[in-house]
Amino acid sequence: MRLFGSRVDDRRKGGDLDLLVELPHLPVDAPWQAARLEARLQQLLGEQKIDVILAGPENANWPIVQEASRTGIPL
């Protein structure tokens, strides 16, 4: 899992919590699973904007996945 986006830039305050979850393969219901993880994290961390991107070989060429992989901080 990697944290990326505005939360990794000390010059920017706040912003949403952007997480890249790297998997060996994407589940068939990847959007549903990402939404479920976002909801669970909101329950644990409190109300805040959380974006979860599930990444696997199937979407490794997506620009957002490439950027998050390159700039994200491993958690």
N, C-alpha and C. Protein backbone atom coordinates (compact mmCIF):
# COMPACT_ATOMS: atom_id res chain seq x y z
N MET A 1 0.86 -1.17 0.00
CA MET A 1 0.00 0.00 0.00
C MET A 1 0.90 1.23 0.00
N ARG A 2 0.49 2.23 -0.75
CA ARG A 2 1.24 3.49 -0.85
C ARG A 2 0.31 4.67 -0.62
N LEU A 3 0.82 5.65 0.08
CA LEU A 3 0.16 6.94 0.25
C LEU A 3 0.72 7.86 -0.82
N PHE A 4 -0.17 8.54 -1.55
CA PHE A 4 0.30 9.44 -2.60
C PHE A 4 -0.59 10.68 -2.63
N GLY A 5 -0.23 11.62 -3.47
CA GLY A 5 -1.04 12.83 -3.61
C GLY A 5 -0.64 13.91 -2.63
N SER A 6 -1.60 14.76 -2.28
CA SER A 6 -1.31 15.94 -1.47
C SER A 6 -0.78 15.62 -0.07
N ARG A 7 -1.12 14.47 0.46
CA ARG A 7 -0.68 14.13 1.81
C ARG A 7 0.81 13.82 1.90
N VAL A 8 1.48 13.61 0.79
CA VAL A 8 2.91 13.36 0.83
C VAL A 8 3.72 14.62 0.57
N ASP A 9 3.04 15.73 0.36
CA ASP A 9 3.69 17.02 0.10
C ASP A 9 3.52 17.91 1.32
N ASP A 10 4.61 18.13 2.05
CA ASP A 10 4.55 18.93 3.28
C ASP A 10 4.12 20.38 3.03
N ARG A 11 4.27 20.87 1.81
CA ARG A 11 3.90 22.25 1.51
C ARG A 11 2.39 22.42 1.34
N ARG A 12 1.69 21.32 1.13
CA ARG A 12 0.24 21.38 0.94
C ARG A 12 -0.43 20.90 2.22
N LYS A 13 -1.44 21.60 2.64
CA LYS A 13 -2.15 21.22 3.86
C LYS A 13 -3.44 20.52 3.52
N GLY A 14 -3.74 19.51 4.33
CA GLY A 14 -5.02 18.82 4.17
C GLY A 14 -5.10 18.01 2.90
N GLY A 15 -6.25 18.06 2.31
CA GLY A 15 -6.49 17.27 1.11
C GLY A 15 -7.02 15.90 1.47
N ASP A 16 -7.36 15.17 0.46
CA ASP A 16 -7.89 13.84 0.71
C ASP A 16 -6.76 12.85 0.94
N LEU A 17 -7.13 11.70 1.42
CA LEU A 17 -6.19 10.61 1.67
C LEU A 17 -6.24 9.70 0.44
N ASP A 18 -5.14 9.66 -0.31
CA ASP A 18 -5.07 8.86 -1.54
C ASP A 18 -4.22 7.64 -1.28
N LEU A 19 -4.79 6.46 -1.50
CA LEU A 19 -4.09 5.21 -1.24
C LEU A 19 -4.07 4.34 -2.49
N LEU A 20 -2.91 3.78 -2.77
CA LEU A 20 -2.76 2.81 -3.85
C LEU A 20 -2.54 1.45 -3.19
N VAL A 21 -3.42 0.51 -3.46
CA VAL A 21 -3.31 -0.85 -2.92
C VAL A 21 -2.87 -1.75 -4.07
N GLU A 22 -1.65 -2.29 -3.94
CA GLU A 22 -1.07 -3.11 -4.99
C GLU A 22 -1.39 -4.58 -4.74
N LEU A 23 -1.97 -5.21 -5.76
CA LEU A 23 -2.40 -6.61 -5.67
C LEU A 23 -1.77 -7.43 -6.78
N PRO A 24 -1.63 -8.74 -6.59
CA PRO A 24 -1.10 -9.57 -7.67
C PRO A 24 -2.02 -9.60 -8.89
N HIS A 25 -3.33 -9.52 -8.65
CA HIS A 25 -4.34 -9.43 -9.72
C HIS A 25 -5.55 -8.70 -9.18
N LEU A 26 -6.20 -7.94 -10.02
CA LEU A 26 -7.40 -7.22 -9.60
C LEU A 26 -8.57 -8.19 -9.46
N PRO A 27 -9.38 -8.00 -8.41
CA PRO A 27 -10.59 -8.81 -8.31
C PRO A 27 -11.59 -8.39 -9.39
N VAL A 28 -12.48 -9.26 -9.74
CA VAL A 28 -13.49 -8.97 -10.75
C VAL A 28 -14.32 -7.76 -10.36
N ASP A 29 -14.59 -7.65 -9.07
CA ASP A 29 -15.39 -6.54 -8.55
C ASP A 29 -14.52 -5.45 -7.91
N ALA A 30 -13.42 -5.10 -8.58
CA ALA A 30 -12.45 -4.15 -8.03
C ALA A 30 -13.09 -2.81 -7.59
N PRO A 31 -13.96 -2.19 -8.39
CA PRO A 31 -14.55 -0.93 -7.92
C PRO A 31 -15.35 -1.11 -6.62
N TRP A 32 -16.08 -2.19 -6.52
CA TRP A 32 -16.85 -2.46 -5.31
C TRP A 32 -15.92 -2.67 -4.12
N GLN A 33 -14.85 -3.41 -4.30
CA GLN A 33 -13.90 -3.68 -3.23
C GLN A 33 -13.20 -2.39 -2.79
N ALA A 34 -12.86 -1.53 -3.73
CA ALA A 34 -12.24 -0.25 -3.39
C ALA A 34 -13.21 0.60 -2.57
N ALA A 35 -14.47 0.63 -2.96
CA ALA A 35 -15.47 1.41 -2.22
C ALA A 35 -15.67 0.86 -0.81
N ARG A 36 -15.67 -0.44 -0.67
CA ARG A 36 -15.81 -1.06 0.65
C ARG A 36 -14.63 -0.70 1.55
N LEU A 37 -13.42 -0.72 0.99
CA LEU A 37 -12.24 -0.35 1.76
C LEU A 37 -12.29 1.12 2.16
N GLU A 38 -12.71 1.99 1.25
CA GLU A 38 -12.86 3.41 1.58
C GLU A 38 -13.83 3.59 2.74
N ALA A 39 -14.96 2.92 2.69
CA ALA A 39 -15.97 3.04 3.76
C ALA A 39 -15.43 2.54 5.08
N ARG A 40 -14.71 1.43 5.06
CA ARG A 40 -14.15 0.88 6.30
C ARG A 40 -13.10 1.82 6.89
N LEU A 41 -12.27 2.39 6.04
CA LEU A 41 -11.26 3.34 6.52
C LEU A 41 -11.91 4.58 7.11
N GLN A 42 -13.01 5.04 6.51
CA GLN A 42 -13.72 6.19 7.08
C GLN A 42 -14.28 5.86 8.45
N GLN A 43 -14.76 4.64 8.64
CA GLN A 43 -15.24 4.23 9.96
C GLN A 43 -14.12 4.26 10.98
N LEU A 44 -12.94 3.82 10.57
CA LEU A 44 -11.80 3.74 11.50
C LEU A 44 -11.13 5.09 11.74
N LEU A 45 -11.04 5.91 10.69
CA LEU A 45 -10.28 7.16 10.76
C LEU A 45 -11.14 8.40 10.95
N GLY A 46 -12.44 8.25 10.82
CA GLY A 46 -13.32 9.40 10.92
C GLY A 46 -13.66 9.94 9.55
N GLU A 47 -14.62 10.83 9.53
CA GLU A 47 -15.10 11.39 8.27
C GLU A 47 -14.02 12.24 7.60
N GLN A 48 -13.54 11.77 6.50
CA GLN A 48 -12.62 12.50 5.65
C GLN A 48 -12.68 11.86 4.27
N LYS A 49 -12.24 12.60 3.28
CA LYS A 49 -12.26 12.10 1.92
C LYS A 49 -11.12 11.11 1.74
N ILE A 50 -11.46 9.89 1.34
CA ILE A 50 -10.47 8.84 1.11
C ILE A 50 -10.70 8.27 -0.28
N ASP A 51 -9.62 8.20 -1.06
CA ASP A 51 -9.67 7.60 -2.38
C ASP A 51 -8.76 6.38 -2.39
N VAL A 52 -9.30 5.24 -2.78
CA VAL A 52 -8.53 4.00 -2.85
C VAL A 52 -8.49 3.57 -4.31
N ILE A 53 -7.28 3.29 -4.78
CA ILE A 53 -7.09 2.75 -6.12
C ILE A 53 -6.48 1.37 -5.95
N LEU A 54 -7.15 0.37 -6.50
CA LEU A 54 -6.61 -0.98 -6.51
C LEU A 54 -5.79 -1.14 -7.78
N ALA A 55 -4.57 -1.65 -7.64
CA ALA A 55 -3.67 -1.77 -8.79
C ALA A 55 -3.20 -3.20 -8.94
N GLY A 56 -3.13 -3.63 -10.17
CA GLY A 56 -2.61 -4.95 -10.52
C GLY A 56 -2.07 -4.90 -11.93
N PRO A 57 -1.62 -6.02 -12.45
CA PRO A 57 -1.10 -6.03 -13.81
C PRO A 57 -2.12 -5.54 -14.85
N GLU A 58 -3.39 -5.70 -14.54
CA GLU A 58 -4.45 -5.33 -15.48
C GLU A 58 -4.55 -3.82 -15.71
N ASN A 59 -4.13 -3.02 -14.74
CA ASN A 59 -4.22 -1.57 -14.90
C ASN A 59 -2.90 -0.87 -14.60
N ALA A 60 -1.80 -1.59 -14.68
CA ALA A 60 -0.48 -1.01 -14.38
C ALA A 60 -0.11 0.12 -15.33
N ASN A 61 -0.72 0.18 -16.50
CA ASN A 61 -0.40 1.24 -17.47
C ASN A 61 -1.26 2.49 -17.29
N TRP A 62 -2.19 2.49 -16.36
CA TRP A 62 -3.00 3.69 -16.12
C TRP A 62 -2.09 4.80 -15.59
N PRO A 63 -2.23 6.02 -16.08
CA PRO A 63 -1.38 7.11 -15.61
C PRO A 63 -1.44 7.32 -14.08
N ILE A 64 -2.61 7.21 -13.48
CA ILE A 64 -2.72 7.42 -12.03
C ILE A 64 -1.98 6.33 -11.27
N VAL A 65 -2.02 5.12 -11.75
CA VAL A 65 -1.31 4.01 -11.10
C VAL A 65 0.19 4.21 -11.25
N GLN A 66 0.63 4.61 -12.42
CA GLN A 66 2.07 4.85 -12.63
C GLN A 66 2.58 6.00 -11.75
N GLU A 67 1.81 7.08 -11.67
CA GLU A 67 2.20 8.22 -10.84
C GLU A 67 2.24 7.85 -9.36
N ALA A 68 1.21 7.16 -8.90
CA ALA A 68 1.15 6.75 -7.49
C ALA A 68 2.28 5.79 -7.15
N SER A 69 2.61 4.89 -8.06
CA SER A 69 3.71 3.95 -7.84
C SER A 69 5.04 4.68 -7.77
N ARG A 70 5.18 5.70 -8.60
CA ARG A 70 6.44 6.44 -8.67
C ARG A 70 6.63 7.39 -7.49
N THR A 71 5.57 8.07 -7.09
CA THR A 71 5.70 9.13 -6.07
C THR A 71 5.20 8.73 -4.71
N GLY A 72 4.48 7.62 -4.62
CA GLY A 72 3.88 7.24 -3.35
C GLY A 72 4.88 6.76 -2.31
N ILE A 73 4.47 6.90 -1.06
CA ILE A 73 5.28 6.45 0.06
C ILE A 73 4.72 5.13 0.55
N PRO A 74 5.55 4.08 0.57
CA PRO A 74 5.06 2.78 1.07
C PRO A 74 4.62 2.89 2.53
N LEU A 75 3.51 2.26 2.83
CA LEU A 75 3.01 2.25 4.21
C LEU A 75 3.25 0.89 4.84
